[in-house]
Amino acid sequence: MKTLIYAHRGASKYAPENTMPAFNLAYEQKADGIETDVQLTKDNVPVLIHDEMVNRTTNGKGFVHDYTYEQLRELDAGLSFHYRFIGTRIPTLDDLLKWNQKKRLRLNIELKNSKLSSNSLEEIVIKKIKAFNMENLCIISTFSMNSIKNLCELNSPIPYAFLTSKNIPGFIEKSKELRASGIHIRYRLLNRRLFRSAKNNNLYIAVYTLNHPVTLTRAFQFPCDAVITDVPDIAVRYRNRVQQED
């Protein structure tokens, strides 16, 4: 099988994370998909940013949910990365979905609701994906098991996966029970026992965040179903070496 390569927040080693330049570069580097983070503004616009606060990646301060979209779009999301990206804006989920209508990459949309919960985030994201007819290209992921429950109760037409950095007892069985399609795990959790358990429960396995040739090679050798990386160009190169026969 051929392991899918998702560009973590775009090609975020080379361009500002979760921005259109990073997504475009990931496409140019032949990633199979984009991994991105979504949360809601004060006026319920889904925007693509990882942190609950804008301080690290923009020239602003404060929580995302305290900004309206019009206020948020005034922030510079490129300046702190490199002067070449001055003027880069925080994109909306609509921006990404519209851009992907021709690109047709897979999209791994992570709901940022494990620290600051939002009862409407799942429904809003599903509605957006359906509006752009991208159900077959998207996967929703979240660290929140409550969000997984919500997606299950909503009978989500979009497949979804549980994200974890810890080997939580019973999380594989619970994910299957809640009709998740897969699990997204931190690399240090990857071992044969967990791998077999996931496969026995008909769950796919994606591993994050792999940037080094050694970790990438190991994941391709398993083979994991997907890897999430900041350096899609390097990941593609090593996948071609390890999975040549595919």
C-alpha atoms as a PDB file:
ATOM      1  CA  MET A   1       0.000   0.000   0.000  1.00  0.00           C
ATOM      2  CA  LYS A   2       1.026   3.610  -0.531  1.00  0.00           C
ATOM      3  CA  THR A   3       1.164   5.712   2.621  1.00  0.00           C
ATOM      4  CA  LEU A   4      -0.581   9.077   2.278  1.00  0.00           C
ATOM      5  CA  ILE A   5       1.437  12.195   3.043  1.00  0.00           C
ATOM      6  CA  TYR A   6      -0.360  15.083   4.734  1.00  0.00           C
ATOM      7  CA  ALA A   7       1.418  18.429   4.956  1.00  0.00           C
ATOM      8  CA  HIS A   8       1.184  19.521   8.595  1.00  0.00           C
ATOM      9  CA  ARG A   9      -0.450  22.973   8.571  1.00  0.00           C
ATOM     10  CA  GLY A  10       0.766  23.056   4.996  1.00  0.00           C
ATOM     11  CA  ALA A  11       4.471  22.894   4.200  1.00  0.00           C
ATOM     12  CA  SER A  12       5.020  24.637   7.521  1.00  0.00           C
ATOM     13  CA  LYS A  13       8.792  24.225   7.621  1.00  0.00           C
ATOM     14  CA  TYR A  14       9.062  26.542   4.627  1.00  0.00           C
ATOM     15  CA  ALA A  15       6.090  28.908   4.900  1.00  0.00           C
ATOM     16  CA  PRO A  16       3.848  30.312   7.661  1.00  0.00           C
ATOM     17  CA  GLU A  17       1.721  27.528   9.099  1.00  0.00           C
ATOM     18  CA  ASN A  18      -1.955  27.312   8.189  1.00  0.00           C
ATOM     19  CA  THR A  19      -1.716  29.913   5.427  1.00  0.00           C
ATOM     20  CA  MET A  20      -2.374  29.789   1.716  1.00  0.00           C
ATOM     21  CA  PRO A  21       1.375  30.067   0.873  1.00  0.00           C
ATOM     22  CA  ALA A  22       2.004  26.957   3.000  1.00  0.00           C
ATOM     23  CA  PHE A  23      -0.860  25.094   1.315  1.00  0.00           C
ATOM     24  CA  ASN A  24       0.295  26.073  -2.156  1.00  0.00           C
ATOM     25  CA  LEU A  25       3.829  24.942  -1.406  1.00  0.00           C
ATOM     26  CA  ALA A  26       2.570  21.592  -0.096  1.00  0.00           C
ATOM     27  CA  TYR A  27       0.717  21.112  -3.384  1.00  0.00           C
ATOM     28  CA  GLU A  28       3.871  21.966  -5.344  1.00  0.00           C
ATOM     29  CA  GLN A  29       5.862  19.483  -3.244  1.00  0.00           C
ATOM     30  CA  LYS A  30       3.339  16.775  -4.208  1.00  0.00           C
ATOM     31  CA  ALA A  31       1.790  16.123  -0.810  1.00  0.00           C
ATOM     32  CA  ASP A  32      -1.322  13.962  -1.001  1.00  0.00           C
ATOM     33  CA  GLY A  33      -3.153  16.178   1.422  1.00  0.00           C
ATOM     34  CA  ILE A  34      -3.230  19.111   3.803  1.00  0.00           C
ATOM     35  CA  GLU A  35      -3.582  18.910   7.578  1.00  0.00           C
ATOM     36  CA  THR A  36      -5.006  22.083   9.095  1.00  0.00           C
ATOM     37  CA  ASP A  37      -6.662  23.381  12.250  1.00  0.00           C
ATOM     38  CA  VAL A  38     -10.049  25.063  12.469  1.00  0.00           C
ATOM     39  CA  GLN A  39     -11.731  27.112  15.167  1.00  0.00           C
ATOM     40  CA  LEU A  40     -14.449  29.730  15.301  1.00  0.00           C
ATOM     41  CA  THR A  41     -14.247  33.501  15.489  1.00  0.00           C
ATOM     42  CA  LYS A  42     -16.522  35.556  17.704  1.00  0.00           C
ATOM     43  CA  ASP A  43     -19.040  35.690  14.850  1.00  0.00           C
ATOM     44  CA  ASN A  44     -18.787  31.933  14.154  1.00  0.00           C
ATOM     45  CA  VAL A  45     -16.609  32.040  11.045  1.00  0.00           C
ATOM     46  CA  PRO A  46     -14.388  28.923  10.837  1.00  0.00           C
ATOM     47  CA  VAL A  47     -10.783  30.053  10.430  1.00  0.00           C
ATOM     48  CA  LEU A  48      -7.549  28.096  10.056  1.00  0.00           C
ATOM     49  CA  ILE A  49      -5.221  28.651  13.003  1.00  0.00           C
ATOM     50  CA  HIS A  50      -3.679  26.233  15.494  1.00  0.00           C
ATOM     51  CA  ASP A  51      -3.369  28.121  18.772  1.00  0.00           C
ATOM     52  CA  GLU A  52      -6.320  29.342  20.796  1.00  0.00           C
ATOM     53  CA  MET A  53      -4.499  32.687  20.920  1.00  0.00           C
ATOM     54  CA  VAL A  54      -3.150  34.670  17.966  1.00  0.00           C
ATOM     55  CA  ASN A  55       0.052  35.806  19.730  1.00  0.00           C
ATOM     56  CA  ARG A  56       2.519  33.219  18.373  1.00  0.00           C
ATOM     57  CA  THR A  57       1.690  33.299  14.683  1.00  0.00           C
ATOM     58  CA  THR A  58       0.442  36.848  14.095  1.00  0.00           C
ATOM     59  CA  ASN A  59       1.146  40.418  15.131  1.00  0.00           C
ATOM     60  CA  GLY A  60      -1.979  40.419  17.293  1.00  0.00           C
ATOM     61  CA  LYS A  61      -2.783  39.422  20.851  1.00  0.00           C
ATOM     62  CA  GLY A  62      -5.633  37.575  22.519  1.00  0.00           C
ATOM     63  CA  PHE A  63      -7.977  34.686  21.883  1.00  0.00           C
ATOM     64  CA  VAL A  64      -9.263  33.827  18.435  1.00  0.00           C
ATOM     65  CA  HIS A  65     -12.817  33.614  19.741  1.00  0.00           C
ATOM     66  CA  ASP A  66     -12.641  37.224  20.932  1.00  0.00           C
ATOM     67  CA  TYR A  67     -12.078  38.490  17.364  1.00  0.00           C
ATOM     68  CA  THR A  68     -14.700  38.890  14.679  1.00  0.00           C
ATOM     69  CA  TYR A  69     -13.588  37.661  11.282  1.00  0.00           C
ATOM     70  CA  GLU A  70     -13.253  41.235   9.994  1.00  0.00           C
ATOM     71  CA  GLN A  71     -10.938  42.038  12.911  1.00  0.00           C
ATOM     72  CA  LEU A  72      -8.942  38.826  12.493  1.00  0.00           C
ATOM     73  CA  ARG A  73      -8.280  39.395   8.803  1.00  0.00           C
ATOM     74  CA  GLU A  74      -6.432  42.600   9.660  1.00  0.00           C
ATOM     75  CA  LEU A  75      -3.711  40.613  11.446  1.00  0.00           C
ATOM     76  CA  ASP A  76      -0.479  39.656   9.693  1.00  0.00           C
ATOM     77  CA  ALA A  77       0.148  35.901   9.774  1.00  0.00           C
ATOM     78  CA  GLY A  78       3.415  36.016   7.818  1.00  0.00           C
ATOM     79  CA  LEU A  79       5.539  38.666   9.472  1.00  0.00           C
ATOM     80  CA  SER A  80       6.755  36.500  12.373  1.00  0.00           C
ATOM     81  CA  PHE A  81       7.862  33.750   9.965  1.00  0.00           C
ATOM     82  CA  HIS A  82       9.855  35.759   7.403  1.00  0.00           C
ATOM     83  CA  TYR A  83       9.670  39.216   5.879  1.00  0.00           C
ATOM     84  CA  ARG A  84       8.922  37.606   2.486  1.00  0.00           C
ATOM     85  CA  PHE A  85       5.496  36.645   3.822  1.00  0.00           C
ATOM     86  CA  ILE A  86       4.482  40.057   5.180  1.00  0.00           C
ATOM     87  CA  GLY A  87       0.806  40.656   4.483  1.00  0.00           C
ATOM     88  CA  THR A  88      -0.228  36.985   4.677  1.00  0.00           C
ATOM     89  CA  ARG A  89      -3.663  36.597   6.258  1.00  0.00           C
ATOM     90  CA  ILE A  90      -5.348  33.933   8.360  1.00  0.00           C
ATOM     91  CA  PRO A  91      -7.506  31.998   5.890  1.00  0.00           C
ATOM     92  CA  THR A  92     -11.047  30.791   6.420  1.00  0.00           C
ATOM     93  CA  LEU A  93     -12.149  27.220   5.920  1.00  0.00           C
ATOM     94  CA  ASP A  94     -14.029  28.483   2.864  1.00  0.00           C
ATOM     95  CA  ASP A  95     -10.741  29.783   1.413  1.00  0.00           C
ATOM     96  CA  LEU A  96      -9.167  26.330   1.671  1.00  0.00           C
ATOM     97  CA  LEU A  97     -12.181  24.462   0.326  1.00  0.00           C
ATOM     98  CA  LYS A  98     -12.525  26.828  -2.625  1.00  0.00           C
ATOM     99  CA  TRP A  99      -8.783  26.536  -3.384  1.00  0.00           C
ATOM    100  CA  ASN A 100      -9.062  22.754  -3.260  1.00  0.00           C
ATOM    101  CA  GLN A 101     -11.871  22.516  -5.793  1.00  0.00           C
ATOM    102  CA  LYS A 102      -9.287  22.236  -8.568  1.00  0.00           C
ATOM    103  CA  LYS A 103      -6.349  20.859  -6.579  1.00  0.00           C
ATOM    104  CA  ARG A 104      -8.377  17.896  -5.206  1.00  0.00           C
ATOM    105  CA  LEU A 105      -6.021  17.164  -2.327  1.00  0.00           C
ATOM    106  CA  ARG A 106      -7.154  15.232   0.704  1.00  0.00           C
ATOM    107  CA  LEU A 107      -7.945  17.464   3.664  1.00  0.00           C
ATOM    108  CA  ASN A 108      -7.428  16.507   7.297  1.00  0.00           C
ATOM    109  CA  ILE A 109      -9.376  19.119   9.245  1.00  0.00           C
ATOM    110  CA  GLU A 110      -8.568  19.162  12.945  1.00  0.00           C
ATOM    111  CA  LEU A 111     -11.200  20.658  15.224  1.00  0.00           C
ATOM    112  CA  LYS A 112      -9.537  22.818  17.875  1.00  0.00           C
ATOM    113  CA  ASN A 113     -12.043  22.070  20.604  1.00  0.00           C
ATOM    114  CA  SER A 114     -10.182  20.062  23.228  1.00  0.00           C
ATOM    115  CA  LYS A 115      -9.312  23.104  25.385  1.00  0.00           C
ATOM    116  CA  LEU A 116     -12.052  25.549  24.442  1.00  0.00           C
ATOM    117  CA  SER A 117     -15.133  23.580  23.495  1.00  0.00           C
ATOM    118  CA  SER A 118     -17.702  24.766  20.984  1.00  0.00           C
ATOM    119  CA  ASN A 119     -21.026  23.019  20.624  1.00  0.00           C
ATOM    120  CA  SER A 120     -21.463  24.211  17.044  1.00  0.00           C
ATOM    121  CA  LEU A 121     -18.005  23.614  15.535  1.00  0.00           C
ATOM    122  CA  GLU A 122     -18.726  20.103  14.284  1.00  0.00           C
ATOM    123  CA  GLU A 123     -21.971  21.115  12.577  1.00  0.00           C
ATOM    124  CA  ILE A 124     -20.464  24.227  10.988  1.00  0.00           C
ATOM    125  CA  VAL A 125     -17.483  22.322   9.582  1.00  0.00           C
ATOM    126  CA  ILE A 126     -19.672  19.534   8.205  1.00  0.00           C
ATOM    127  CA  LYS A 127     -21.966  22.094   6.583  1.00  0.00           C
ATOM    128  CA  LYS A 128     -19.021  23.838   4.915  1.00  0.00           C
ATOM    129  CA  ILE A 129     -17.533  20.602   3.579  1.00  0.00           C
ATOM    130  CA  LYS A 130     -20.893  19.549   2.162  1.00  0.00           C
ATOM    131  CA  ALA A 131     -21.417  22.964   0.561  1.00  0.00           C
ATOM    132  CA  PHE A 132     -18.234  22.434  -1.464  1.00  0.00           C
ATOM    133  CA  ASN A 133     -19.062  18.755  -2.209  1.00  0.00           C
ATOM    134  CA  MET A 134     -15.845  17.545  -0.604  1.00  0.00           C
ATOM    135  CA  GLU A 135     -17.146  14.786   1.636  1.00  0.00           C
ATOM    136  CA  ASN A 136     -15.002  12.228  -0.188  1.00  0.00           C
ATOM    137  CA  LEU A 137     -11.799  14.258   0.212  1.00  0.00           C
ATOM    138  CA  CYS A 138     -12.038  15.206   3.882  1.00  0.00           C
ATOM    139  CA  ILE A 139     -11.380  13.625   7.239  1.00  0.00           C
ATOM    140  CA  ILE A 140     -12.225  15.388  10.505  1.00  0.00           C
ATOM    141  CA  SER A 141      -9.950  14.824  13.495  1.00  0.00           C
ATOM    142  CA  THR A 142     -10.021  15.939  17.121  1.00  0.00           C
ATOM    143  CA  PHE A 143      -8.316  15.353  20.471  1.00  0.00           C
ATOM    144  CA  SER A 144     -11.719  15.585  22.149  1.00  0.00           C
ATOM    145  CA  MET A 145     -13.567  12.312  22.709  1.00  0.00           C
ATOM    146  CA  ASN A 146     -16.680  14.396  23.413  1.00  0.00           C
ATOM    147  CA  SER A 147     -16.353  15.823  19.912  1.00  0.00           C
ATOM    148  CA  ILE A 148     -16.052  12.285  18.517  1.00  0.00           C
ATOM    149  CA  LYS A 149     -19.300  11.489  20.335  1.00  0.00           C
ATOM    150  CA  ASN A 150     -20.913  14.580  18.813  1.00  0.00           C
ATOM    151  CA  LEU A 151     -19.812  13.552  15.323  1.00  0.00           C
ATOM    152  CA  CYS A 152     -21.227  10.078  15.932  1.00  0.00           C
ATOM    153  CA  GLU A 153     -24.552  11.478  17.158  1.00  0.00           C
ATOM    154  CA  LEU A 154     -24.692  13.795  14.148  1.00  0.00           C
ATOM    155  CA  ASN A 155     -24.248  10.758  11.873  1.00  0.00           C
ATOM    156  CA  SER A 156     -21.444  12.703  10.251  1.00  0.00           C
ATOM    157  CA  PRO A 157     -21.274  12.147   6.494  1.00  0.00           C
ATOM    158  CA  ILE A 158     -17.575  13.036   6.775  1.00  0.00           C
ATOM    159  CA  PRO A 159     -15.275  10.320   8.187  1.00  0.00           C
ATOM    160  CA  TYR A 160     -13.606  11.271  11.460  1.00  0.00           C
ATOM    161  CA  ALA A 161     -10.668  10.165  13.590  1.00  0.00           C
ATOM    162  CA  PHE A 162      -9.547  10.399  17.203  1.00  0.00           C
ATOM    163  CA  LEU A 163      -6.276  12.217  17.827  1.00  0.00           C
ATOM    164  CA  THR A 164      -4.069  11.335  20.767  1.00  0.00           C
ATOM    165  CA  SER A 165      -0.577  11.897  22.088  1.00  0.00           C
ATOM    166  CA  LYS A 166      -1.130   9.407  24.935  1.00  0.00           C
ATOM    167  CA  ASN A 167      -1.867   5.700  25.046  1.00  0.00           C
ATOM    168  CA  ILE A 168      -5.235   6.146  26.729  1.00  0.00           C
ATOM    169  CA  PRO A 169      -6.650   2.808  27.937  1.00  0.00           C
ATOM    170  CA  GLY A 170      -9.359   1.553  25.597  1.00  0.00           C
ATOM    171  CA  PHE A 171      -9.152   4.461  23.137  1.00  0.00           C
ATOM    172  CA  ILE A 172      -9.016   2.151  20.115  1.00  0.00           C
ATOM    173  CA  GLU A 173     -12.108   0.231  21.146  1.00  0.00           C
ATOM    174  CA  LYS A 174     -13.905   3.449  22.075  1.00  0.00           C
ATOM    175  CA  SER A 175     -13.053   4.999  18.713  1.00  0.00           C
ATOM    176  CA  LYS A 176     -14.512   1.990  16.926  1.00  0.00           C
ATOM    177  CA  GLU A 177     -17.617   2.063  19.128  1.00  0.00           C
ATOM    178  CA  LEU A 178     -18.203   5.697  18.140  1.00  0.00           C
ATOM    179  CA  ARG A 179     -17.821   4.814  14.457  1.00  0.00           C
ATOM    180  CA  ALA A 180     -14.531   6.621  13.907  1.00  0.00           C
ATOM    181  CA  SER A 181     -12.661   5.662  10.749  1.00  0.00           C
ATOM    182  CA  GLY A 182      -9.183   5.942  12.201  1.00  0.00           C
ATOM    183  CA  ILE A 183      -6.777   7.073  14.872  1.00  0.00           C
ATOM    184  CA  HIS A 184      -4.119   9.784  14.572  1.00  0.00           C
ATOM    185  CA  ILE A 185      -1.290   9.095  16.997  1.00  0.00           C
ATOM    186  CA  ARG A 186       1.935  10.733  18.069  1.00  0.00           C
ATOM    187  CA  TYR A 187       4.945   8.920  16.629  1.00  0.00           C
ATOM    188  CA  ARG A 188       6.236   7.657  19.981  1.00  0.00           C
ATOM    189  CA  LEU A 189       3.054   5.562  20.381  1.00  0.00           C
ATOM    190  CA  LEU A 190       3.694   3.612  17.197  1.00  0.00           C
ATOM    191  CA  ASN A 191       4.429  -0.058  17.841  1.00  0.00           C
ATOM    192  CA  ARG A 192       3.333  -3.396  16.434  1.00  0.00           C
ATOM    193  CA  ARG A 193       0.880  -4.125  19.228  1.00  0.00           C
ATOM    194  CA  LEU A 194      -1.018  -0.859  18.759  1.00  0.00           C
ATOM    195  CA  PHE A 195      -0.797  -1.209  14.995  1.00  0.00           C
ATOM    196  CA  ARG A 196      -2.367  -4.695  15.089  1.00  0.00           C
ATOM    197  CA  SER A 197      -5.054  -3.588  17.543  1.00  0.00           C
ATOM    198  CA  ALA A 198      -6.101  -0.720  15.284  1.00  0.00           C
ATOM    199  CA  LYS A 199      -6.184  -2.965  12.221  1.00  0.00           C
ATOM    200  CA  ASN A 200      -8.176  -5.622  14.087  1.00  0.00           C
ATOM    201  CA  ASN A 201     -10.722  -2.910  14.847  1.00  0.00           C
ATOM    202  CA  ASN A 202     -10.805  -1.740  11.216  1.00  0.00           C
ATOM    203  CA  LEU A 203      -9.242   1.627  12.024  1.00  0.00           C
ATOM    204  CA  TYR A 204      -6.669   3.287   9.822  1.00  0.00           C
ATOM    205  CA  ILE A 205      -3.519   4.760  11.416  1.00  0.00           C
ATOM    206  CA  ALA A 206      -2.049   8.194  10.777  1.00  0.00           C
ATOM    207  CA  VAL A 207       1.122   9.253  12.607  1.00  0.00           C
ATOM    208  CA  TYR A 208       2.264  12.788  13.457  1.00  0.00           C
ATOM    209  CA  THR A 209       4.546  14.805  13.202  1.00  0.00           C
ATOM    210  CA  LEU A 210       7.311  13.046  11.229  1.00  0.00           C
ATOM    211  CA  ASN A 211      10.117  15.168   9.806  1.00  0.00           C
ATOM    212  CA  HIS A 212      13.245  13.028  10.150  1.00  0.00           C
ATOM    213  CA  PRO A 213      14.267  10.398   7.576  1.00  0.00           C
ATOM    214  CA  VAL A 214      14.493   7.710  10.293  1.00  0.00           C
ATOM    215  CA  THR A 215      10.955   8.206  11.620  1.00  0.00           C
ATOM    216  CA  LEU A 216       9.502   8.646   8.149  1.00  0.00           C
ATOM    217  CA  THR A 217      11.198   5.472   6.922  1.00  0.00           C
ATOM    218  CA  ARG A 218       9.890   3.441   9.882  1.00  0.00           C
ATOM    219  CA  ALA A 219       6.329   4.651   9.343  1.00  0.00           C
ATOM    220  CA  PHE A 220       6.522   3.817   5.628  1.00  0.00           C
ATOM    221  CA  GLN A 221       7.876   0.351   6.434  1.00  0.00           C
ATOM    222  CA  PHE A 222       5.008  -0.588   8.782  1.00  0.00           C
ATOM    223  CA  PRO A 223       3.249   0.660   6.559  1.00  0.00           C
ATOM    224  CA  CYS A 224       1.093   3.276   8.272  1.00  0.00           C
ATOM    225  CA  ASP A 225      -1.887   4.534   6.321  1.00  0.00           C
ATOM    226  CA  ALA A 226      -0.795   8.163   6.557  1.00  0.00           C
ATOM    227  CA  VAL A 227       1.952  10.371   7.928  1.00  0.00           C
ATOM    228  CA  ILE A 228       1.681  14.038   8.854  1.00  0.00           C
ATOM    229  CA  THR A 229       4.801  16.110   8.225  1.00  0.00           C
ATOM    230  CA  ASP A 230       6.119  19.671   8.098  1.00  0.00           C
ATOM    231  CA  VAL A 231       8.397  18.679   5.193  1.00  0.00           C
ATOM    232  CA  PRO A 232       6.292  17.003   2.483  1.00  0.00           C
ATOM    233  CA  ASP A 233       9.132  17.205  -0.042  1.00  0.00           C
ATOM    234  CA  ILE A 234      11.371  15.048   2.172  1.00  0.00           C
ATOM    235  CA  ALA A 235       8.511  12.693   3.015  1.00  0.00           C
ATOM    236  CA  VAL A 236       7.721  12.135  -0.680  1.00  0.00           C
ATOM    237  CA  ARG A 237      11.367  11.396  -1.396  1.00  0.00           C
ATOM    238  CA  TYR A 238      11.645   8.768   1.335  1.00  0.00           C
ATOM    239  CA  ARG A 239       8.289   7.209   0.525  1.00  0.00           C
ATOM    240  CA  ASN A 240       9.518   6.718  -3.038  1.00  0.00           C
ATOM    241  CA  ARG A 241      12.579   4.908  -1.716  1.00  0.00           C
ATOM    242  CA  VAL A 242      10.791   2.684   0.798  1.00  0.00           C
ATOM    243  CA  GLN A 243       7.641   1.933  -1.168  1.00  0.00           C
ATOM    244  CA  GLN A 244       9.185   1.776  -4.629  1.00  0.00           C
ATOM    245  CA  GLU A 245       7.419  -1.417  -5.475  1.00  0.00           C
ATOM    246  CA  ASP A 246       4.032   0.308  -5.096  1.00  0.00           C
END
